[in-house]
Amino acid sequence: MTLTFETYPQIERQSVRFANRYGIELAGDLYLPENYADKKNPALVVTGPFGAVKEQSAGLYAQELATYGFVALAFDPSNTGESGGVARNVASPELFTEDYSAAVDFLGSLTYIDREKIGALGICGLSGMALTAASIDTRIKAVATSVMYDISRSVSEGVGGMMTPEQKENFKDFLAQQRWNLVDGGDHVTGPHEPMFDENNQVIHTHGLPDQLPENPHPVLAAFYDYYKTPRGWHENSVNSTGAWESTTPLPFLAFPQYTAISEIAPRPILFITGEHAHSRYFPEQAAAQAGYNAELVVVPNADHVDLYDKKDLIPFAELADFYTKAFA
């Protein structure tokens, strides 16, 4: 298996498979701390970013947290990576939320896991699903997010909430046409999971990150490219490295907002980690305010959004581990 990060010889990694409530088999990597078999261990379920796989950021976070004594499960959500699902590279907020609870099911079935000490971690676009899962699944005793990105809001409003009513209607028309294409026997095609528009407010039909950066690229595009399209983070199973989501993927995110019951996570704690210069910073700031007193926000100095995917000198792992340790005490 190709991993995008250095492995630690003292941390055992096991490939595992488990099913969600819909019978879809999910693929995961279980990262095991030293001497895990001799006791009941705290555990974490980890996934994200949106369009990434367990061999990228999720695995890196899981392995690092295993060095602090947590059994950590990094997994591929349904229909992506090595996980099952007939339609490939199609996402759903409800399905991905269920995947978090299915991962909790699996961890709780292991004899060396303390069922009262299971937490969740969402990275980037899976953060919303982690929060949604915690709001309905009380077995998740603490939830943290890193560089939270709310896919439902970014699809419905545009990044920064800049989508106009005309643009939104055009986006819906674009998605409707993609469905007619399938009805008429056309092939599944990729498309933008976040809408972009030309000067006439028409959808630009992109096919994921470019194979080569244009001259003077937008800094956010350059940052994503540097992770997903270079040896730093490229992986053959990653939607973001090799292509794009299936073109109808935005439909359920337009229809269903996430973590609407975030305040109900209380008194279980929430930790939001973001970068000082992250373009997504407003998502965790607003979610933390919405959550109420049980939410803590950590802003990492001099870090952008993608920095916190894999730059171990910037990711506050010790603070993250301390958060879960205190939550489980």
C-alpha atoms as a PDB file:
ATOM      1  CA  MET A   1       0.000   0.000   0.000  1.00  0.00           C
ATOM      2  CA  THR A   2       1.297   3.440  -0.937  1.00  0.00           C
ATOM      3  CA  LEU A   3       1.154   5.979   1.872  1.00  0.00           C
ATOM      4  CA  THR A   4       1.836   9.683   1.495  1.00  0.00           C
ATOM      5  CA  PHE A   5       3.557   9.983   4.874  1.00  0.00           C
ATOM      6  CA  GLU A   6       6.375   8.391   6.827  1.00  0.00           C
ATOM      7  CA  THR A   7       5.385   5.398   8.958  1.00  0.00           C
ATOM      8  CA  TYR A   8       6.552   4.737  12.497  1.00  0.00           C
ATOM      9  CA  PRO A   9       7.878   1.236  13.285  1.00  0.00           C
ATOM     10  CA  GLN A  10       6.418   1.310  16.788  1.00  0.00           C
ATOM     11  CA  ILE A  11       2.869   1.868  15.492  1.00  0.00           C
ATOM     12  CA  GLU A  12       1.221  -1.240  14.086  1.00  0.00           C
ATOM     13  CA  ARG A  13      -1.111  -0.741  11.126  1.00  0.00           C
ATOM     14  CA  GLN A  14      -3.833  -3.239  10.246  1.00  0.00           C
ATOM     15  CA  SER A  15      -6.032  -3.191   7.142  1.00  0.00           C
ATOM     16  CA  VAL A  16      -9.670  -3.713   8.171  1.00  0.00           C
ATOM     17  CA  ARG A  17     -13.095  -3.952   6.565  1.00  0.00           C
ATOM     18  CA  PHE A  18     -16.503  -3.243   8.106  1.00  0.00           C
ATOM     19  CA  ALA A  19     -20.018  -2.539   6.857  1.00  0.00           C
ATOM     20  CA  ASN A  20     -22.213   0.491   7.344  1.00  0.00           C
ATOM     21  CA  ARG A  21     -25.974   0.375   7.994  1.00  0.00           C
ATOM     22  CA  TYR A  22     -26.655   0.181   4.260  1.00  0.00           C
ATOM     23  CA  GLY A  23     -24.454  -2.846   3.753  1.00  0.00           C
ATOM     24  CA  ILE A  24     -21.638  -0.965   2.016  1.00  0.00           C
ATOM     25  CA  GLU A  25     -18.240  -2.368   2.953  1.00  0.00           C
ATOM     26  CA  LEU A  26     -15.862   0.316   4.178  1.00  0.00           C
ATOM     27  CA  ALA A  27     -12.086   0.047   4.048  1.00  0.00           C
ATOM     28  CA  GLY A  28      -9.962   1.286   6.898  1.00  0.00           C
ATOM     29  CA  ASP A  29      -6.487   1.286   8.378  1.00  0.00           C
ATOM     30  CA  LEU A  30      -6.294   0.711  12.096  1.00  0.00           C
ATOM     31  CA  TYR A  31      -3.332   2.381  13.817  1.00  0.00           C
ATOM     32  CA  LEU A  32      -2.441   0.661  17.073  1.00  0.00           C
ATOM     33  CA  PRO A  33      -0.353   2.135  19.895  1.00  0.00           C
ATOM     34  CA  GLU A  34       2.290   0.139  21.704  1.00  0.00           C
ATOM     35  CA  ASN A  35       0.957  -2.443  24.174  1.00  0.00           C
ATOM     36  CA  TYR A  36      -2.617  -1.904  22.980  1.00  0.00           C
ATOM     37  CA  ALA A  37      -3.590  -5.557  23.482  1.00  0.00           C
ATOM     38  CA  ASP A  38      -2.963  -5.443  27.229  1.00  0.00           C
ATOM     39  CA  LYS A  39      -5.709  -2.960  28.146  1.00  0.00           C
ATOM     40  CA  LYS A  40      -8.905  -1.173  27.183  1.00  0.00           C
ATOM     41  CA  ASN A  41      -7.900   1.728  24.932  1.00  0.00           C
ATOM     42  CA  PRO A  42      -9.483   5.038  23.944  1.00  0.00           C
ATOM     43  CA  ALA A  43     -10.225   5.184  20.227  1.00  0.00           C
ATOM     44  CA  LEU A  44     -10.818   7.663  17.414  1.00  0.00           C
ATOM     45  CA  VAL A  45     -12.476   7.485  13.988  1.00  0.00           C
ATOM     46  CA  VAL A  46     -10.808   9.716  11.413  1.00  0.00           C
ATOM     47  CA  THR A  47     -11.546  10.637   7.812  1.00  0.00           C
ATOM     48  CA  GLY A  48     -11.222  13.445   5.296  1.00  0.00           C
ATOM     49  CA  PRO A  49     -10.511  15.661   3.477  1.00  0.00           C
ATOM     50  CA  PHE A  50     -13.370  15.591   0.968  1.00  0.00           C
ATOM     51  CA  GLY A  51     -12.035  13.653  -2.012  1.00  0.00           C
ATOM     52  CA  ALA A  52      -9.020  12.276  -0.150  1.00  0.00           C
ATOM     53  CA  VAL A  53      -8.344   8.725   1.020  1.00  0.00           C
ATOM     54  CA  LYS A  54      -7.068   7.049   4.157  1.00  0.00           C
ATOM     55  CA  GLU A  55      -3.522   6.952   2.782  1.00  0.00           C
ATOM     56  CA  GLN A  56      -3.384  10.749   2.860  1.00  0.00           C
ATOM     57  CA  SER A  57      -4.218  13.159   5.710  1.00  0.00           C
ATOM     58  CA  ALA A  58      -6.543  10.821   7.627  1.00  0.00           C
ATOM     59  CA  GLY A  59      -3.843   8.178   7.952  1.00  0.00           C
ATOM     60  CA  LEU A  60      -1.250  10.735   8.959  1.00  0.00           C
ATOM     61  CA  TYR A  61      -3.496  12.104  11.715  1.00  0.00           C
ATOM     62  CA  ALA A  62      -4.448   8.592  12.862  1.00  0.00           C
ATOM     63  CA  GLN A  63      -0.844   7.447  13.120  1.00  0.00           C
ATOM     64  CA  GLU A  64       0.227  10.561  15.022  1.00  0.00           C
ATOM     65  CA  LEU A  65      -2.641  10.196  17.487  1.00  0.00           C
ATOM     66  CA  ALA A  66      -1.719   6.537  17.992  1.00  0.00           C
ATOM     67  CA  THR A  67       1.621   7.715  19.365  1.00  0.00           C
ATOM     68  CA  TYR A  68      -0.384   9.370  22.158  1.00  0.00           C
ATOM     69  CA  GLY A  69      -2.060   6.094  23.082  1.00  0.00           C
ATOM     70  CA  PHE A  70      -5.225   6.166  20.958  1.00  0.00           C
ATOM     71  CA  VAL A  71      -6.360   3.363  18.713  1.00  0.00           C
ATOM     72  CA  ALA A  72      -7.154   5.356  15.579  1.00  0.00           C
ATOM     73  CA  LEU A  73      -9.176   4.184  12.581  1.00  0.00           C
ATOM     74  CA  ALA A  74      -8.637   6.055   9.299  1.00  0.00           C
ATOM     75  CA  PHE A  75     -11.199   5.026   6.704  1.00  0.00           C
ATOM     76  CA  ASP A  76     -12.419   5.700   3.178  1.00  0.00           C
ATOM     77  CA  PRO A  77     -16.033   6.925   3.042  1.00  0.00           C
ATOM     78  CA  SER A  78     -18.573   5.015   0.943  1.00  0.00           C
ATOM     79  CA  ASN A  79     -18.094   4.984  -2.831  1.00  0.00           C
ATOM     80  CA  THR A  80     -14.511   6.254  -2.584  1.00  0.00           C
ATOM     81  CA  GLY A  81     -11.033   4.811  -2.305  1.00  0.00           C
ATOM     82  CA  GLU A  82     -11.003   1.131  -1.403  1.00  0.00           C
ATOM     83  CA  SER A  83     -14.491   1.252   0.126  1.00  0.00           C
ATOM     84  CA  GLY A  84     -17.484  -0.307  -1.611  1.00  0.00           C
ATOM     85  CA  GLY A  85     -20.436   1.296  -3.331  1.00  0.00           C
ATOM     86  CA  VAL A  86     -21.457   0.691  -6.918  1.00  0.00           C
ATOM     87  CA  ALA A  87     -21.535   4.336  -7.993  1.00  0.00           C
ATOM     88  CA  ARG A  88     -17.977   5.564  -7.712  1.00  0.00           C
ATOM     89  CA  ASN A  89     -16.824   8.959  -6.496  1.00  0.00           C
ATOM     90  CA  VAL A  90     -20.311  10.063  -5.496  1.00  0.00           C
ATOM     91  CA  ALA A  91     -20.773  11.729  -2.118  1.00  0.00           C
ATOM     92  CA  SER A  92     -23.720  12.193   0.220  1.00  0.00           C
ATOM     93  CA  PRO A  93     -23.839  14.038   3.551  1.00  0.00           C
ATOM     94  CA  GLU A  94     -26.212  11.443   5.027  1.00  0.00           C
ATOM     95  CA  LEU A  95     -24.195   8.473   3.812  1.00  0.00           C
ATOM     96  CA  PHE A  96     -20.879   9.896   4.975  1.00  0.00           C
ATOM     97  CA  THR A  97     -22.423  10.715   8.354  1.00  0.00           C
ATOM     98  CA  GLU A  98     -23.546   7.094   8.636  1.00  0.00           C
ATOM     99  CA  ASP A  99     -20.003   5.990   7.803  1.00  0.00           C
ATOM    100  CA  TYR A 100     -18.741   7.714  10.966  1.00  0.00           C
ATOM    101  CA  SER A 101     -21.229   5.785  13.098  1.00  0.00           C
ATOM    102  CA  ALA A 102     -20.350   2.553  11.276  1.00  0.00           C
ATOM    103  CA  ALA A 103     -16.715   3.167  12.172  1.00  0.00           C
ATOM    104  CA  VAL A 104     -17.789   3.569  15.806  1.00  0.00           C
ATOM    105  CA  ASP A 105     -19.680   0.267  15.513  1.00  0.00           C
ATOM    106  CA  PHE A 106     -16.511  -1.428  14.325  1.00  0.00           C
ATOM    107  CA  LEU A 107     -14.263   0.020  17.009  1.00  0.00           C
ATOM    108  CA  GLY A 108     -16.756  -0.904  19.705  1.00  0.00           C
ATOM    109  CA  SER A 109     -16.691  -4.526  18.537  1.00  0.00           C
ATOM    110  CA  LEU A 110     -12.985  -4.847  19.363  1.00  0.00           C
ATOM    111  CA  THR A 111     -12.160  -6.352  22.753  1.00  0.00           C
ATOM    112  CA  TYR A 112      -9.362  -3.881  23.440  1.00  0.00           C
ATOM    113  CA  ILE A 113     -11.499  -0.747  22.970  1.00  0.00           C
ATOM    114  CA  ASP A 114     -13.199   1.158  25.788  1.00  0.00           C
ATOM    115  CA  ARG A 115     -16.660   1.894  24.361  1.00  0.00           C
ATOM    116  CA  GLU A 116     -17.021   4.868  26.691  1.00  0.00           C
ATOM    117  CA  LYS A 117     -13.924   6.525  25.201  1.00  0.00           C
ATOM    118  CA  ILE A 118     -14.562   6.831  21.467  1.00  0.00           C
ATOM    119  CA  GLY A 119     -14.174  10.141  19.650  1.00  0.00           C
ATOM    120  CA  ALA A 120     -14.418  11.434  16.085  1.00  0.00           C
ATOM    121  CA  LEU A 121     -12.161  13.630  13.976  1.00  0.00           C
ATOM    122  CA  GLY A 122     -13.129  15.210  10.659  1.00  0.00           C
ATOM    123  CA  ILE A 123     -10.597  16.835   8.357  1.00  0.00           C
ATOM    124  CA  CYS A 124     -11.612  19.559   5.886  1.00  0.00           C
ATOM    125  CA  GLY A 125     -14.834  18.605   4.058  1.00  0.00           C
ATOM    126  CA  LEU A 126     -15.637  15.605   6.253  1.00  0.00           C
ATOM    127  CA  SER A 127     -15.800  17.874   9.309  1.00  0.00           C
ATOM    128  CA  GLY A 128     -19.471  18.662   8.747  1.00  0.00           C
ATOM    129  CA  MET A 129     -20.274  14.960   8.661  1.00  0.00           C
ATOM    130  CA  ALA A 130     -18.278  14.351  11.858  1.00  0.00           C
ATOM    131  CA  LEU A 131     -20.240  17.069  13.644  1.00  0.00           C
ATOM    132  CA  THR A 132     -23.535  15.759  12.270  1.00  0.00           C
ATOM    133  CA  ALA A 133     -22.691  12.233  13.431  1.00  0.00           C
ATOM    134  CA  ALA A 134     -21.807  13.482  16.918  1.00  0.00           C
ATOM    135  CA  SER A 135     -25.081  15.402  17.141  1.00  0.00           C
ATOM    136  CA  ILE A 136     -27.103  12.180  16.730  1.00  0.00           C
ATOM    137  CA  ASP A 137     -24.733   9.455  17.972  1.00  0.00           C
ATOM    138  CA  THR A 138     -24.092   9.858  21.690  1.00  0.00           C
ATOM    139  CA  ARG A 139     -21.482   7.110  21.597  1.00  0.00           C
ATOM    140  CA  ILE A 140     -19.155   9.758  20.153  1.00  0.00           C
ATOM    141  CA  LYS A 141     -17.908  11.314  23.371  1.00  0.00           C
ATOM    142  CA  ALA A 142     -15.883  14.129  21.788  1.00  0.00           C
ATOM    143  CA  VAL A 143     -15.518  15.521  18.283  1.00  0.00           C
ATOM    144  CA  ALA A 144     -12.771  17.600  16.704  1.00  0.00           C
ATOM    145  CA  THR A 145     -12.317  19.111  13.273  1.00  0.00           C
ATOM    146  CA  SER A 146      -9.228  20.306  11.441  1.00  0.00           C
ATOM    147  CA  VAL A 147      -9.561  23.087   8.843  1.00  0.00           C
ATOM    148  CA  MET A 148     -13.313  22.552   8.813  1.00  0.00           C
ATOM    149  CA  TYR A 149     -15.022  23.006   5.464  1.00  0.00           C
ATOM    150  CA  ASP A 150     -18.807  22.818   5.174  1.00  0.00           C
ATOM    151  CA  ILE A 151     -19.530  21.223   1.795  1.00  0.00           C
ATOM    152  CA  SER A 152     -23.284  21.813   2.049  1.00  0.00           C
ATOM    153  CA  ARG A 153     -22.781  25.536   2.541  1.00  0.00           C
ATOM    154  CA  SER A 154     -20.046  25.889  -0.044  1.00  0.00           C
ATOM    155  CA  VAL A 155     -22.241  24.107  -2.609  1.00  0.00           C
ATOM    156  CA  SER A 156     -25.380  26.081  -1.689  1.00  0.00           C
ATOM    157  CA  GLU A 157     -23.841  29.507  -1.125  1.00  0.00           C
ATOM    158  CA  GLY A 158     -20.466  29.437  -2.826  1.00  0.00           C
ATOM    159  CA  VAL A 159     -17.236  29.855  -0.890  1.00  0.00           C
ATOM    160  CA  GLY A 160     -17.639  32.961   1.221  1.00  0.00           C
ATOM    161  CA  GLY A 161     -21.379  33.009   0.542  1.00  0.00           C
ATOM    162  CA  MET A 162     -20.897  34.843  -2.750  1.00  0.00           C
ATOM    163  CA  MET A 163     -23.266  32.893  -5.016  1.00  0.00           C
ATOM    164  CA  THR A 164     -26.078  35.015  -6.498  1.00  0.00           C
ATOM    165  CA  PRO A 165     -29.647  33.734  -6.939  1.00  0.00           C
ATOM    166  CA  GLU A 166     -29.111  33.677 -10.720  1.00  0.00           C
ATOM    167  CA  GLN A 167     -25.959  31.628 -10.371  1.00  0.00           C
ATOM    168  CA  LYS A 168     -27.635  29.169  -8.028  1.00  0.00           C
ATOM    169  CA  GLU A 169     -30.509  28.629 -10.443  1.00  0.00           C
ATOM    170  CA  ASN A 170     -28.040  28.089 -13.276  1.00  0.00           C
ATOM    171  CA  PHE A 171     -26.182  25.574 -11.144  1.00  0.00           C
ATOM    172  CA  LYS A 172     -29.396  23.654 -10.486  1.00  0.00           C
ATOM    173  CA  ASP A 173     -30.134  23.664 -14.224  1.00  0.00           C
ATOM    174  CA  PHE A 174     -26.634  22.337 -14.877  1.00  0.00           C
ATOM    175  CA  LEU A 175     -27.172  19.462 -12.426  1.00  0.00           C
ATOM    176  CA  ALA A 176     -30.595  18.700 -13.887  1.00  0.00           C
ATOM    177  CA  GLN A 177     -29.038  18.433 -17.337  1.00  0.00           C
ATOM    178  CA  GLN A 178     -26.449  16.010 -15.979  1.00  0.00           C
ATOM    179  CA  ARG A 179     -29.295  13.773 -14.808  1.00  0.00           C
ATOM    180  CA  TRP A 180     -30.941  13.898 -18.246  1.00  0.00           C
ATOM    181  CA  ASN A 181     -27.597  12.900 -19.709  1.00  0.00           C
ATOM    182  CA  LEU A 182     -27.671   9.733 -17.590  1.00  0.00           C
ATOM    183  CA  VAL A 183     -31.331   9.052 -18.430  1.00  0.00           C
ATOM    184  CA  ASP A 184     -30.457   9.263 -22.115  1.00  0.00           C
ATOM    185  CA  GLY A 185     -27.708   6.679 -21.743  1.00  0.00           C
ATOM    186  CA  GLY A 186     -24.771   8.994 -21.430  1.00  0.00           C
ATOM    187  CA  ASP A 187     -21.696   8.142 -19.418  1.00  0.00           C
ATOM    188  CA  HIS A 188     -21.094   9.288 -15.876  1.00  0.00           C
ATOM    189  CA  VAL A 189     -18.973  12.401 -16.167  1.00  0.00           C
ATOM    190  CA  THR A 190     -17.094  14.417 -13.619  1.00  0.00           C
ATOM    191  CA  GLY A 191     -17.998  17.947 -12.691  1.00  0.00           C
ATOM    192  CA  PRO A 192     -17.469  20.674 -10.119  1.00  0.00           C
ATOM    193  CA  HIS A 193     -18.479  19.803  -6.554  1.00  0.00           C
ATOM    194  CA  GLU A 194     -18.391  23.539  -5.890  1.00  0.00           C
ATOM    195  CA  PRO A 195     -19.847  25.770  -8.596  1.00  0.00           C
ATOM    196  CA  MET A 196     -17.708  28.174 -10.568  1.00  0.00           C
ATOM    197  CA  PHE A 197     -19.128  30.613 -13.068  1.00  0.00           C
ATOM    198  CA  ASP A 198     -18.019  32.539 -16.121  1.00  0.00           C
ATOM    199  CA  GLU A 199     -18.722  36.209 -16.849  1.00  0.00           C
ATOM    200  CA  ASN A 200     -22.245  35.279 -17.991  1.00  0.00           C
ATOM    201  CA  ASN A 201     -22.995  33.459 -14.730  1.00  0.00           C
ATOM    202  CA  GLN A 202     -22.925  30.081 -16.488  1.00  0.00           C
ATOM    203  CA  VAL A 203     -21.377  27.054 -14.768  1.00  0.00           C
ATOM    204  CA  ILE A 204     -17.801  26.307 -15.743  1.00  0.00           C
ATOM    205  CA  HIS A 205     -17.686  22.538 -16.226  1.00  0.00           C
ATOM    206  CA  THR A 206     -14.358  21.728 -14.599  1.00  0.00           C
ATOM    207  CA  HIS A 207     -12.865  18.260 -14.241  1.00  0.00           C
ATOM    208  CA  GLY A 208     -10.992  18.665 -10.985  1.00  0.00           C
ATOM    209  CA  LEU A 209      -7.587  20.154 -10.350  1.00  0.00           C
ATOM    210  CA  PRO A 210      -5.589  20.922 -13.493  1.00  0.00           C
ATOM    211  CA  ASP A 211      -2.694  18.683 -14.464  1.00  0.00           C
ATOM    212  CA  GLN A 212      -0.570  21.817 -14.713  1.00  0.00           C
ATOM    213  CA  LEU A 213      -1.010  25.091 -12.906  1.00  0.00           C
ATOM    214  CA  PRO A 214      -1.814  28.141 -15.017  1.00  0.00           C
ATOM    215  CA  GLU A 215       0.375  31.210 -14.825  1.00  0.00           C
ATOM    216  CA  ASN A 216      -0.264  33.304 -11.730  1.00  0.00           C
ATOM    217  CA  PRO A 217      -2.704  30.825 -10.150  1.00  0.00           C
ATOM    218  CA  HIS A 218      -5.013  31.745  -7.318  1.00  0.00           C
ATOM    219  CA  PRO A 219      -3.158  30.976  -4.049  1.00  0.00           C
ATOM    220  CA  VAL A 220      -5.875  28.543  -2.905  1.00  0.00           C
ATOM    221  CA  LEU A 221      -5.699  26.610  -6.181  1.00  0.00           C
ATOM    222  CA  ALA A 222      -1.911  26.525  -5.916  1.00  0.00           C
ATOM    223  CA  ALA A 223      -2.084  25.177  -2.371  1.00  0.00           C
ATOM    224  CA  PHE A 224      -4.483  22.352  -3.295  1.00  0.00           C
ATOM    225  CA  TYR A 225      -2.422  21.536  -6.392  1.00  0.00           C
ATOM    226  CA  ASP A 226       0.761  21.349  -4.331  1.00  0.00           C
ATOM    227  CA  TYR A 227      -0.817  18.706  -2.092  1.00  0.00           C
ATOM    228  CA  TYR A 228      -2.922  16.571  -4.419  1.00  0.00           C
ATOM    229  CA  LYS A 229      -0.984  16.784  -7.680  1.00  0.00           C
ATOM    230  CA  THR A 230       2.621  16.489  -6.516  1.00  0.00           C
ATOM    231  CA  PRO A 231       4.479  13.679  -4.728  1.00  0.00           C
ATOM    232  CA  ARG A 232       3.774  15.475  -1.461  1.00  0.00           C
ATOM    233  CA  GLY A 233       0.211  14.109  -1.283  1.00  0.00           C
ATOM    234  CA  TRP A 234      -0.735  12.460  -4.595  1.00  0.00           C
ATOM    235  CA  HIS A 235      -2.475   9.100  -4.318  1.00  0.00           C
ATOM    236  CA  GLU A 236      -3.883   6.939  -7.074  1.00  0.00           C
ATOM    237  CA  ASN A 237      -7.156   6.329  -5.152  1.00  0.00           C
ATOM    238  CA  SER A 238      -7.822   9.973  -4.355  1.00  0.00           C
ATOM    239  CA  VAL A 239     -10.625  11.720  -6.244  1.00  0.00           C
ATOM    240  CA  ASN A 240      -8.757  14.997  -5.949  1.00  0.00           C
ATOM    241  CA  SER A 241      -5.476  13.577  -7.247  1.00  0.00           C
ATOM    242  CA  THR A 242      -6.795  11.701 -10.248  1.00  0.00           C
ATOM    243  CA  GLY A 243      -9.984  13.440 -11.344  1.00  0.00           C
ATOM    244  CA  ALA A 244     -13.116  14.898  -9.790  1.00  0.00           C
ATOM    245  CA  TRP A 245     -16.420  13.908  -8.241  1.00  0.00           C
ATOM    246  CA  GLU A 246     -19.229  12.540 -10.398  1.00  0.00           C
ATOM    247  CA  SER A 247     -21.098  15.549 -11.757  1.00  0.00           C
ATOM    248  CA  THR A 248     -24.342  15.013  -9.788  1.00  0.00           C
ATOM    249  CA  THR A 249     -22.540  14.890  -6.424  1.00  0.00           C
ATOM    250  CA  PRO A 250     -23.640  18.408  -5.346  1.00  0.00           C
ATOM    251  CA  LEU A 251     -27.365  17.485  -5.404  1.00  0.00           C
ATOM    252  CA  PRO A 252     -27.732  16.121  -1.847  1.00  0.00           C
ATOM    253  CA  PHE A 253     -25.525  18.887  -0.468  1.00  0.00           C
ATOM    254  CA  LEU A 254     -27.877  21.458  -1.999  1.00  0.00           C
ATOM    255  CA  ALA A 255     -30.806  19.696  -0.340  1.00  0.00           C
ATOM    256  CA  PHE A 256     -29.478  18.887   3.128  1.00  0.00           C
ATOM    257  CA  PRO A 257     -27.566  21.196   5.475  1.00  0.00           C
ATOM    258  CA  GLN A 258     -25.298  19.633   8.054  1.00  0.00           C
ATOM    259  CA  TYR A 259     -24.913  19.804  11.863  1.00  0.00           C
ATOM    260  CA  THR A 260     -28.195  21.672  12.301  1.00  0.00           C
ATOM    261  CA  ALA A 261     -28.373  20.198  15.815  1.00  0.00           C
ATOM    262  CA  ILE A 262     -24.781  21.071  16.730  1.00  0.00           C
ATOM    263  CA  SER A 263     -25.871  22.627  20.032  1.00  0.00           C
ATOM    264  CA  GLU A 264     -27.188  19.200  21.050  1.00  0.00           C
ATOM    265  CA  ILE A 265     -23.645  17.812  21.151  1.00  0.00           C
ATOM    266  CA  ALA A 266     -23.284  19.583  24.513  1.00  0.00           C
ATOM    267  CA  PRO A 267     -22.114  18.782  27.103  1.00  0.00           C
ATOM    268  CA  ARG A 268     -19.770  16.642  24.997  1.00  0.00           C
ATOM    269  CA  PRO A 269     -16.882  18.874  23.910  1.00  0.00           C
ATOM    270  CA  ILE A 270     -15.971  20.103  20.446  1.00  0.00           C
ATOM    271  CA  LEU A 271     -12.569  21.304  19.253  1.00  0.00           C
ATOM    272  CA  PHE A 272     -12.133  23.314  16.050  1.00  0.00           C
ATOM    273  CA  ILE A 273      -8.621  23.670  14.624  1.00  0.00           C
ATOM    274  CA  THR A 274      -7.976  26.031  11.737  1.00  0.00           C
ATOM    275  CA  GLY A 275      -5.175  28.037  10.206  1.00  0.00           C
ATOM    276  CA  GLU A 276      -4.625  31.742  10.622  1.00  0.00           C
ATOM    277  CA  HIS A 277      -4.590  32.176   6.847  1.00  0.00           C
ATOM    278  CA  ALA A 278      -7.039  29.401   5.923  1.00  0.00           C
ATOM    279  CA  HIS A 279      -9.605  30.534   3.360  1.00  0.00           C
ATOM    280  CA  SER A 280     -12.024  28.190   5.185  1.00  0.00           C
ATOM    281  CA  ARG A 281     -11.506  29.824   8.574  1.00  0.00           C
ATOM    282  CA  TYR A 282     -14.966  31.365   8.680  1.00  0.00           C
ATOM    283  CA  PHE A 283     -16.592  27.901   8.692  1.00  0.00           C
ATOM    284  CA  PRO A 284     -15.188  26.768  12.082  1.00  0.00           C
ATOM    285  CA  GLU A 285     -15.519  30.247  13.557  1.00  0.00           C
ATOM    286  CA  GLN A 286     -19.225  30.339  12.768  1.00  0.00           C
ATOM    287  CA  ALA A 287     -19.781  26.699  13.769  1.00  0.00           C
ATOM    288  CA  ALA A 288     -18.049  27.270  17.105  1.00  0.00           C
ATOM    289  CA  ALA A 289     -20.370  30.191  17.818  1.00  0.00           C
ATOM    290  CA  GLN A 290     -23.359  28.098  16.799  1.00  0.00           C
ATOM    291  CA  ALA A 291     -22.284  25.198  19.029  1.00  0.00           C
ATOM    292  CA  GLY A 292     -22.180  27.238  22.193  1.00  0.00           C
ATOM    293  CA  TYR A 293     -20.139  26.945  25.359  1.00  0.00           C
ATOM    294  CA  ASN A 294     -18.816  23.430  24.719  1.00  0.00           C
ATOM    295  CA  ALA A 295     -16.772  24.463  21.645  1.00  0.00           C
ATOM    296  CA  GLU A 296     -13.127  25.502  21.605  1.00  0.00           C
ATOM    297  CA  LEU A 297     -11.421  27.177  18.647  1.00  0.00           C
ATOM    298  CA  VAL A 298      -7.676  26.891  18.044  1.00  0.00           C
ATOM    299  CA  VAL A 299      -6.138  29.069  15.315  1.00  0.00           C
ATOM    300  CA  VAL A 300      -2.687  27.928  14.207  1.00  0.00           C
ATOM    301  CA  PRO A 301      -0.408  30.904  13.443  1.00  0.00           C
ATOM    302  CA  ASN A 302       1.053  31.230   9.946  1.00  0.00           C
ATOM    303  CA  ALA A 303      -0.886  28.236   8.586  1.00  0.00           C
ATOM    304  CA  ASP A 304      -3.180  28.100   5.579  1.00  0.00           C
ATOM    305  CA  HIS A 305      -5.871  25.512   4.903  1.00  0.00           C
ATOM    306  CA  VAL A 306      -3.716  22.899   3.161  1.00  0.00           C
ATOM    307  CA  ASP A 307      -0.784  23.326   5.562  1.00  0.00           C
ATOM    308  CA  LEU A 308      -2.846  21.492   8.164  1.00  0.00           C
ATOM    309  CA  TYR A 309      -3.279  18.452   5.918  1.00  0.00           C
ATOM    310  CA  ASP A 310       0.234  17.174   6.520  1.00  0.00           C
ATOM    311  CA  LYS A 311       2.690  19.677   7.963  1.00  0.00           C
ATOM    312  CA  LYS A 312       3.448  18.047  11.270  1.00  0.00           C
ATOM    313  CA  ASP A 313       5.374  21.054  12.554  1.00  0.00           C
ATOM    314  CA  LEU A 314       2.159  23.087  12.340  1.00  0.00           C
ATOM    315  CA  ILE A 315      -0.607  20.602  13.222  1.00  0.00           C
ATOM    316  CA  PRO A 316      -1.176  20.820  17.012  1.00  0.00           C
ATOM    317  CA  PHE A 317      -1.241  17.067  17.684  1.00  0.00           C
ATOM    318  CA  ALA A 318      -0.370  17.442  21.371  1.00  0.00           C
ATOM    319  CA  GLU A 319      -3.290  19.840  21.854  1.00  0.00           C
ATOM    320  CA  LEU A 320      -5.567  17.498  19.938  1.00  0.00           C
ATOM    321  CA  ALA A 321      -4.529  14.502  22.041  1.00  0.00           C
ATOM    322  CA  ASP A 322      -4.978  16.514  25.234  1.00  0.00           C
ATOM    323  CA  PHE A 323      -8.491  17.464  24.139  1.00  0.00           C
ATOM    324  CA  TYR A 324      -9.538  13.821  23.776  1.00  0.00           C
ATOM    325  CA  THR A 325      -7.741  12.741  26.952  1.00  0.00           C
ATOM    326  CA  LYS A 326      -9.611  15.337  29.009  1.00  0.00           C
ATOM    327  CA  ALA A 327     -12.914  14.485  27.302  1.00  0.00           C
ATOM    328  CA  PHE A 328     -12.494  10.804  28.153  1.00  0.00           C
ATOM    329  CA  ALA A 329     -11.398  11.377  31.750  1.00  0.00           C
END
